[in-house]
Amino acid sequence: MNTDHNVTLRRQHQQQIQEKEKKEQGLMEEMAATLEELTATNDELNSSLQLLAESREQMRTIIEQAPVGIAMLKGPELIIDIANPTILKIWDRHLAEVQGLPHDIARPELQGQPMIQWLREAFEKGERKTNNELSIMLRHKDGLREAIVNSIYQPIFSADNKVTGILIILEEITDQVLERRKSEKDQQMLSMAIDAGELATFYYEPELNLFSGNALLKLWFGLADEDQLDLSAAINSIVKEDQERVMAAITDALSEESDGNYFIEYRIVHPQSPNGRLVQARGKVFYDAKGKAASLNGTLRDITEQKAEEQRKNDFISIASHELKTPLTSNNAYLQLMQRQALLTANTNYQDLTLKSLKQVRNMKNLINGFLNISRFDSGRMMIERDVFDLKELFTELED
């Protein structure tokens, strides 16, 4: 009986040992699996941290190299966390001067200006604020300077949709705006001069054969109000006798051998202007980067009345010249007869007087020819004719 009882106890003991071994084996396997999972999780975490670090570094590099000013403010105090070189240049500061400080403390020059309040509102309301061509006073050396900027204040949201900071994007456009305003002012002054001078303006693109101009030009040529027309539409309004000459002048101005200047006078006739109009065209060819003619720009001036006035002036000068020369011609003939009579009678006094009188008549004729010479008026120049004379003879005449 004791033997059977001992055997039974031994078997139970072995069975308990086997069950413990199985449990231990199971625990070992579970621990191994858990350890493997922890290792994989740790690897994934390290990989995520590395990617996050790379992403943050990449973002910082992009911000650093951005052509516009960028700064990141964090927290309700709007502490400057990141500021790239471009925005530091606009602020006239170094990074060490502003990093880690609240924006309003780092930049006291903004006190009394609306930017600080706008930043706070963007943080509190979570709404972006955009400013275009904003005038602002910025620090410059030991004082302030006026600048013009474009700026964006963009709230930064967390995963739970809470505002954690503000992204500032800043671009200074002072030079560009001032240049544009100067250009606009110059254009306005040019427009005023064109209007005051009653000038028509034209613009011709040879590549597309398109012709355009201001309202006055379209009125003169009887053209439609379209922005651009084919050049032939304008040529058709020129009198036929002048059309070929105008086309030749345009072609010459656009040629490679030309200096790019365009000047011609021609007549315009169309149903809305049956009496015709004489115009003077002046223009200049503008070239592209390759040296090819890109456009012919210029002005037209109505010289109808001017030419009519010049013709009336020339007619008057011709009549006046004729009326002045006629009595002189008669006097010259009379004096020549008197000179001949004095020679026949050997009257030396008369000979001397008639000789001097004839000389004065010739001088008077020369004066009339000089003052009333139409060709000299048209040339617009003072013509000086050199002549040899005897000073002794001049003083003798003055003495007499």
Protein backbone atom coordinates (compact mmCIF):
# COMPACT_ATOMS: atom_id res chain seq x y z
CA MET A 1 0.00 0.00 0.00
CA ASN A 2 2.81 2.35 0.88
CA THR A 3 4.53 1.55 -2.35
CA ASP A 4 1.45 2.38 -4.42
CA HIS A 5 0.96 5.56 -2.51
CA ASN A 6 4.56 6.66 -3.13
CA VAL A 7 4.25 5.95 -6.83
CA THR A 8 1.11 8.01 -7.02
CA LEU A 9 2.76 10.93 -5.25
CA ARG A 10 5.77 10.73 -7.53
CA ARG A 11 3.59 10.83 -10.63
CA GLN A 12 1.66 13.79 -9.31
CA HIS A 13 4.89 15.57 -8.55
CA GLN A 14 6.27 14.92 -12.05
CA GLN A 15 3.00 16.08 -13.56
CA GLN A 16 3.20 19.34 -11.58
CA ILE A 17 6.79 19.82 -12.73
CA GLN A 18 5.76 19.31 -16.36
CA GLU A 19 2.90 21.77 -16.01
CA LYS A 20 5.25 24.37 -14.49
CA GLU A 21 7.70 23.81 -17.33
CA LYS A 22 4.91 24.33 -19.85
CA LYS A 23 3.83 27.53 -18.12
CA GLU A 24 7.42 28.76 -17.99
CA GLN A 25 7.82 27.91 -21.67
CA GLY A 26 4.68 29.85 -22.47
CA LEU A 27 5.86 32.80 -20.44
CA MET A 28 9.23 32.67 -22.18
CA GLU A 29 7.53 32.70 -25.58
CA GLU A 30 5.26 35.57 -24.53
CA MET A 31 8.24 37.53 -23.22
CA ALA A 32 10.16 36.86 -26.43
CA ALA A 33 7.18 38.05 -28.51
CA THR A 34 6.75 41.11 -26.31
CA LEU A 35 10.46 41.87 -26.53
CA GLU A 36 10.31 41.54 -30.32
CA GLU A 37 7.32 43.88 -30.45
CA LEU A 38 9.07 46.36 -28.19
CA THR A 39 12.17 46.21 -30.38
CA ALA A 40 10.10 46.79 -33.53
CA THR A 41 8.19 49.62 -31.85
CA ASN A 42 11.44 51.18 -30.71
CA ASP A 43 12.86 50.92 -34.23
CA GLU A 44 9.72 52.53 -35.65
CA LEU A 45 9.89 55.25 -33.01
CA ASN A 46 13.55 55.92 -33.76
CA SER A 47 12.75 55.98 -37.48
CA SER A 48 9.85 58.37 -36.89
CA LEU A 49 12.02 60.59 -34.71
CA GLN A 50 14.70 60.62 -37.40
CA LEU A 51 12.15 61.47 -40.10
CA LEU A 52 10.72 64.16 -37.86
CA ALA A 53 14.18 65.61 -37.27
CA GLU A 54 14.95 65.48 -40.99
CA SER A 55 11.60 67.08 -41.79
CA ARG A 56 12.17 69.83 -39.23
CA GLU A 57 15.68 70.43 -40.55
CA GLN A 58 14.38 70.50 -44.11
CA MET A 59 11.68 72.98 -43.11
CA ARG A 60 14.27 75.14 -41.35
CA THR A 61 16.50 75.03 -44.44
CA ILE A 62 13.60 76.06 -46.67
CA ILE A 63 12.76 78.92 -44.32
CA GLU A 64 16.41 80.00 -44.13
CA GLN A 65 16.79 80.05 -47.92
CA ALA A 66 13.38 81.54 -48.75
CA PRO A 67 13.53 84.71 -50.90
CA VAL A 68 10.92 86.36 -48.66
CA GLY A 69 11.10 87.11 -44.96
CA ILE A 70 9.69 84.36 -42.72
CA ALA A 71 9.37 84.25 -38.94
CA MET A 72 7.56 81.87 -36.57
CA LEU A 73 6.07 83.16 -33.33
CA LYS A 74 4.93 80.66 -30.70
CA GLY A 75 2.52 80.84 -27.82
CA PRO A 76 0.16 83.61 -26.76
CA GLU A 77 3.19 85.78 -25.92
CA LEU A 78 4.19 85.51 -29.61
CA ILE A 79 7.77 84.58 -28.80
CA ILE A 80 10.10 84.66 -31.81
CA ASP A 81 11.18 81.07 -32.46
CA ILE A 82 12.48 81.22 -36.04
CA ALA A 83 13.53 84.22 -38.16
CA ASN A 84 15.27 83.79 -41.49
CA PRO A 85 18.04 86.11 -42.79
CA THR A 86 15.68 87.95 -45.15
CA ILE A 87 13.30 89.06 -42.41
CA LEU A 88 16.21 89.89 -40.09
CA LYS A 89 17.57 92.19 -42.79
CA ILE A 90 14.19 93.92 -43.07
CA TRP A 91 14.02 94.20 -39.28
CA ASP A 92 17.66 95.44 -39.20
CA ARG A 93 18.59 92.93 -36.50
CA HIS A 94 20.65 89.83 -35.76
CA LEU A 95 19.02 86.55 -34.72
CA ALA A 96 20.54 86.68 -31.23
CA GLU A 97 18.83 90.03 -30.62
CA VAL A 98 15.30 88.72 -31.14
CA GLN A 99 15.17 84.93 -30.73
CA GLY A 100 13.36 83.85 -27.58
CA LEU A 101 11.82 87.28 -26.98
CA PRO A 102 8.18 88.32 -27.40
CA HIS A 103 7.73 90.03 -30.75
CA ASP A 104 6.54 93.36 -29.33
CA ILE A 105 9.52 93.54 -26.94
CA ALA A 106 12.05 92.52 -29.61
CA ARG A 107 10.73 95.22 -31.96
CA PRO A 108 9.79 98.33 -29.95
CA GLU A 109 9.74 100.48 -33.10
CA LEU A 110 6.31 98.99 -33.87
CA GLN A 111 4.77 100.70 -30.83
CA GLY A 112 2.04 103.04 -32.05
CA GLN A 113 1.70 101.09 -35.31
CA PRO A 114 -1.14 98.60 -35.95
CA MET A 115 1.02 95.52 -36.63
CA ILE A 116 1.24 94.35 -32.99
CA GLN A 117 -2.54 94.48 -32.61
CA TRP A 118 -3.02 92.65 -35.92
CA LEU A 119 -0.74 89.82 -34.76
CA ARG A 120 -2.68 89.44 -31.51
CA GLU A 121 -6.00 89.38 -33.35
CA ALA A 122 -4.68 86.75 -35.77
CA PHE A 123 -3.68 84.57 -32.79
CA GLU A 124 -6.88 85.10 -30.80
CA LYS A 125 -9.34 84.79 -33.71
CA GLY A 126 -7.39 82.24 -35.74
CA GLU A 127 -7.86 84.33 -38.88
CA ARG A 128 -5.21 85.19 -41.44
CA LYS A 129 -4.35 88.87 -41.94
CA THR A 130 -3.03 89.99 -45.34
CA ASN A 131 -1.57 93.44 -46.05
CA ASN A 132 -0.68 94.73 -49.51
CA GLU A 133 1.59 97.74 -50.05
CA LEU A 134 1.54 98.56 -46.35
CA SER A 135 3.50 101.64 -45.27
CA ILE A 136 5.49 100.93 -42.12
CA MET A 137 8.27 102.54 -40.09
CA LEU A 138 11.21 100.15 -39.67
CA ARG A 139 14.40 100.41 -37.65
CA HIS A 140 17.34 101.69 -39.65
CA LYS A 141 20.70 102.13 -37.95
CA ASP A 142 20.01 104.57 -35.07
CA GLY A 143 16.68 105.79 -36.39
CA LEU A 144 13.66 104.81 -38.44
CA ARG A 145 12.94 104.59 -42.15
CA GLU A 146 9.69 104.42 -44.06
CA ALA A 147 9.19 101.20 -46.00
CA ILE A 148 6.47 99.54 -48.06
CA VAL A 149 5.80 95.84 -47.51
CA ASN A 150 3.46 92.98 -48.34
CA SER A 151 2.78 90.84 -45.28
CA ILE A 152 0.78 87.78 -44.20
CA TYR A 153 0.05 86.80 -40.58
CA GLN A 154 -0.97 83.11 -40.74
CA PRO A 155 -2.17 81.32 -37.57
CA ILE A 156 -0.52 77.93 -36.88
CA PHE A 157 -2.97 75.25 -35.69
CA SER A 158 -2.25 72.14 -33.59
CA ALA A 159 -3.78 68.68 -34.11
CA ASP A 160 -6.72 69.61 -31.87
CA ASN A 161 -7.33 72.77 -33.94
CA LYS A 162 -5.93 75.20 -31.38
CA VAL A 163 -3.77 78.17 -32.39
CA THR A 164 -0.22 77.62 -31.18
CA GLY A 165 1.60 80.39 -32.99
CA ILE A 166 1.79 82.78 -35.94
CA LEU A 167 3.72 82.44 -39.19
CA ILE A 168 4.86 85.83 -40.54
CA ILE A 169 5.62 86.16 -44.25
CA LEU A 170 7.12 89.55 -45.10
CA GLU A 171 8.30 91.02 -48.41
CA GLU A 172 9.72 94.52 -48.75
CA ILE A 173 8.66 96.17 -52.01
CA THR A 174 9.74 99.76 -51.34
CA ASP A 175 11.95 100.13 -54.42
CA GLN A 176 9.45 98.42 -56.73
CA VAL A 177 6.52 100.55 -55.55
CA LEU A 178 8.48 103.80 -55.74
CA GLU A 179 9.68 102.90 -59.23
CA ARG A 180 6.14 102.01 -60.29
CA ARG A 181 4.77 105.24 -58.85
CA LYS A 182 7.46 107.22 -60.65
CA SER A 183 6.61 105.38 -63.87
CA GLU A 184 2.92 106.10 -63.34
CA LYS A 185 3.70 109.76 -62.70
CA ASP A 186 5.87 109.94 -65.82
CA GLN A 187 3.13 108.22 -67.80
CA GLN A 188 0.57 110.67 -66.44
CA MET A 189 2.79 113.63 -67.36
CA LEU A 190 3.32 112.16 -70.83
CA SER A 191 -0.43 111.68 -71.26
CA MET A 192 -1.02 115.28 -70.18
CA ALA A 193 1.61 116.50 -72.65
CA ILE A 194 0.08 114.39 -75.43
CA ASP A 195 -3.40 115.70 -74.65
CA ALA A 196 -2.19 119.30 -74.38
CA GLY A 197 -0.30 119.00 -77.65
CA GLU A 198 -3.27 117.30 -79.35
CA LEU A 199 -1.02 114.44 -80.40
CA ALA A 200 -2.17 111.07 -81.65
CA THR A 201 -0.06 108.10 -80.54
CA PHE A 202 0.52 104.88 -82.45
CA TYR A 203 2.00 101.46 -81.72
CA TYR A 204 2.89 98.97 -84.45
CA GLU A 205 4.01 95.35 -83.98
CA PRO A 206 5.69 94.18 -87.21
CA GLU A 207 5.76 90.53 -86.12
CA LEU A 208 1.94 90.42 -85.94
CA ASN A 209 1.31 93.32 -88.34
CA LEU A 210 -0.98 94.85 -85.70
CA PHE A 211 -1.54 98.58 -85.38
CA SER A 212 -3.07 100.43 -82.43
CA GLY A 213 -3.27 103.93 -81.04
CA ASN A 214 -5.13 106.33 -78.79
CA ALA A 215 -8.66 107.62 -79.32
CA LEU A 216 -7.47 110.68 -81.27
CA LEU A 217 -5.57 108.54 -83.79
CA LYS A 218 -8.62 106.32 -84.36
CA LEU A 219 -10.74 109.43 -84.84
CA TRP A 220 -8.36 110.85 -87.44
CA PHE A 221 -8.10 107.56 -89.34
CA GLY A 222 -11.78 106.67 -88.96
CA LEU A 223 -10.86 103.35 -87.30
CA ALA A 224 -12.97 101.10 -85.09
CA ASP A 225 -12.61 101.12 -81.32
CA GLU A 226 -10.85 97.73 -81.30
CA ASP A 227 -7.61 97.61 -79.35
CA GLN A 228 -5.53 96.39 -82.29
CA LEU A 229 -6.11 96.36 -86.04
CA ASP A 230 -4.28 95.16 -89.09
CA LEU A 231 -1.94 97.84 -90.46
CA SER A 232 -3.80 97.80 -93.78
CA ALA A 233 -6.86 99.33 -92.05
CA ALA A 234 -4.82 102.45 -91.27
CA ILE A 235 -3.04 102.52 -94.64
CA ASN A 236 -6.40 102.55 -96.43
CA SER A 237 -7.19 105.91 -94.78
CA ILE A 238 -4.08 107.49 -96.32
CA VAL A 239 -4.48 109.11 -99.75
CA LYS A 240 -3.35 106.74 -102.50
CA GLU A 241 -0.55 109.04 -103.66
CA ASP A 242 1.09 108.81 -100.21
CA GLN A 243 0.43 105.14 -99.32
CA GLU A 244 3.49 103.70 -101.05
CA ARG A 245 5.73 106.40 -99.57
CA VAL A 246 4.44 105.71 -96.04
CA MET A 247 4.95 101.94 -96.36
CA ALA A 248 8.49 102.55 -97.64
CA ALA A 249 9.25 104.81 -94.65
CA ILE A 250 7.96 102.16 -92.20
CA THR A 251 9.98 99.43 -93.93
CA ASP A 252 13.13 101.56 -93.89
CA ALA A 253 12.73 102.36 -90.17
CA LEU A 254 12.34 98.65 -89.33
CA SER A 255 15.28 97.51 -91.46
CA GLU A 256 18.54 96.38 -89.84
CA GLU A 257 20.49 99.17 -91.59
CA SER A 258 18.23 101.88 -90.14
CA ASP A 259 18.92 103.96 -87.03
CA GLY A 260 15.34 103.22 -85.97
CA ASN A 261 14.02 106.75 -86.51
CA TYR A 262 10.78 107.30 -88.42
CA PHE A 263 9.68 110.67 -89.85
CA ILE A 264 7.22 111.43 -92.62
CA GLU A 265 4.38 113.76 -93.60
CA TYR A 266 1.30 112.46 -95.40
CA ARG A 267 -2.39 113.11 -95.95
CA ILE A 268 -5.38 111.28 -94.46
CA VAL A 269 -8.81 111.11 -96.08
CA HIS A 270 -11.79 109.01 -94.97
CA PRO A 271 -15.60 109.38 -94.99
CA GLN A 272 -15.65 111.04 -91.55
CA SER A 273 -13.00 113.55 -92.67
CA PRO A 274 -13.73 114.34 -96.34
CA ASN A 275 -11.67 117.56 -96.32
CA GLY A 276 -8.54 115.61 -95.52
CA ARG A 277 -5.88 116.09 -92.91
CA LEU A 278 -2.12 116.60 -93.26
CA VAL A 279 -0.18 114.89 -90.47
CA GLN A 280 3.44 114.69 -89.40
CA ALA A 281 4.56 111.32 -88.01
CA ARG A 282 7.56 110.80 -85.73
CA GLY A 283 8.50 107.45 -84.28
CA LYS A 284 11.21 105.21 -82.88
CA VAL A 285 11.80 101.49 -83.30
CA PHE A 286 12.23 99.43 -80.14
CA TYR A 287 14.18 96.17 -80.26
CA ASP A 288 13.97 92.89 -78.33
CA ALA A 289 16.84 91.13 -76.55
CA LYS A 290 17.98 89.59 -79.84
CA GLY A 291 18.18 92.96 -81.58
CA LYS A 292 15.10 92.32 -83.69
CA ALA A 293 12.59 95.12 -84.26
CA ALA A 294 9.77 94.51 -81.77
CA SER A 295 7.66 97.63 -82.25
CA LEU A 296 7.47 101.04 -83.87
CA ASN A 297 6.06 103.64 -81.47
CA GLY A 298 5.46 107.30 -82.09
CA THR A 299 3.16 110.29 -82.40
CA LEU A 300 1.16 112.01 -85.10
CA ARG A 301 0.62 115.77 -85.23
CA ASP A 302 -2.03 117.50 -87.30
CA ILE A 303 -0.14 120.11 -89.34
CA THR A 304 -2.99 121.01 -91.72
CA GLU A 305 -3.45 124.53 -90.34
CA GLN A 306 0.30 124.98 -89.86
CA LYS A 307 1.00 124.18 -93.51
CA ALA A 308 -1.85 126.43 -94.63
CA GLU A 309 -0.46 129.24 -92.49
CA GLU A 310 3.03 128.67 -93.90
CA GLN A 311 1.62 128.81 -97.42
CA ARG A 312 -0.15 132.09 -96.65
CA LYS A 313 3.08 133.43 -95.17
CA ASN A 314 5.07 132.39 -98.24
CA ASP A 315 2.50 133.97 -100.53
CA PHE A 316 2.71 137.21 -98.57
CA ILE A 317 6.52 137.14 -98.66
CA SER A 318 6.49 136.57 -102.42
CA ILE A 319 4.11 139.49 -102.96
CA ALA A 320 6.06 141.75 -100.59
CA SER A 321 9.33 140.81 -102.25
CA HIS A 322 7.90 141.55 -105.67
CA GLU A 323 6.41 144.87 -104.56
CA LEU A 324 9.70 145.95 -102.97
CA LYS A 325 11.89 144.87 -105.86
CA THR A 326 9.78 146.53 -108.59
CA PRO A 327 10.51 150.18 -107.61
CA LEU A 328 14.15 149.31 -106.98
CA THR A 329 14.42 147.85 -110.47
CA SER A 330 12.94 151.05 -111.90
CA ASN A 331 15.30 153.22 -109.83
CA ASN A 332 18.22 151.09 -110.95
CA ALA A 333 17.25 151.69 -114.60
CA TYR A 334 16.90 155.45 -114.06
CA LEU A 335 20.27 155.63 -112.33
CA GLN A 336 21.95 153.70 -115.13
CA LEU A 337 20.54 156.22 -117.64
CA MET A 338 21.77 159.10 -115.48
CA GLN A 339 25.19 157.45 -115.21
CA ARG A 340 25.38 157.11 -118.99
CA GLN A 341 24.33 160.77 -119.44
CA ALA A 342 26.98 161.88 -116.95
CA LEU A 343 29.63 159.96 -118.89
CA LEU A 344 28.57 161.67 -122.13
CA THR A 345 28.72 165.12 -120.55
CA ALA A 346 31.88 164.31 -118.60
CA ASN A 347 30.18 165.46 -115.41
CA THR A 348 32.33 163.87 -112.73
CA ASN A 349 30.03 164.89 -109.86
CA TYR A 350 27.04 163.15 -111.44
CA GLN A 351 29.18 160.12 -112.25
CA ASP A 352 30.22 159.79 -108.63
CA LEU A 353 26.68 160.29 -107.30
CA THR A 354 25.08 157.81 -109.71
CA LEU A 355 27.78 155.22 -108.96
CA LYS A 356 27.12 155.47 -105.22
CA SER A 357 23.36 155.41 -105.77
CA LEU A 358 23.59 152.26 -107.91
CA LYS A 359 25.66 150.62 -105.22
CA GLN A 360 23.03 151.44 -102.57
CA VAL A 361 20.31 150.02 -104.83
CA ARG A 362 22.28 146.77 -105.12
CA ASN A 363 22.70 146.68 -101.33
CA MET A 364 18.97 147.17 -100.91
CA LYS A 365 18.26 144.31 -103.32
CA ASN A 366 20.62 142.06 -101.38
CA LEU A 367 18.85 142.97 -98.14
CA ILE A 368 15.45 142.16 -99.64
CA ASN A 369 16.73 138.85 -101.00
CA GLY A 370 18.25 138.01 -97.63
CA PHE A 371 15.20 138.84 -95.53
CA LEU A 372 12.49 137.61 -97.87
CA ASN A 373 14.15 134.45 -99.23
CA ILE A 374 11.52 131.69 -98.68
CA SER A 375 14.00 128.84 -99.04
CA ARG A 376 16.04 130.29 -96.18
CA PHE A 377 12.95 130.50 -93.98
CA ASP A 378 12.07 126.88 -94.70
CA SER A 379 15.58 125.68 -93.89
CA GLY A 380 15.30 127.12 -90.38
CA ARG A 381 18.93 128.27 -90.50
CA MET A 382 20.71 131.60 -90.64
CA MET A 383 22.62 131.75 -93.92
CA ILE A 384 25.84 133.78 -93.82
CA GLU A 385 27.54 134.66 -97.11
CA ARG A 386 31.18 135.71 -96.93
CA ASP A 387 32.46 138.45 -99.25
CA VAL A 388 35.70 140.42 -99.62
CA PHE A 389 35.44 144.20 -99.25
CA ASP A 390 37.79 147.17 -99.00
CA LEU A 391 37.85 148.75 -95.54
CA LYS A 392 39.11 152.03 -96.99
CA GLU A 393 36.15 152.17 -99.32
CA LEU A 394 33.79 151.43 -96.40
CA PHE A 395 35.19 154.27 -94.30
CA THR A 396 35.06 156.60 -97.30
CA GLU A 397 31.34 155.83 -97.69
CA LEU A 398 30.77 156.47 -93.99
CA GLU A 399 32.64 159.79 -94.27
CA ASP A 400 30.54 160.87 -97.26
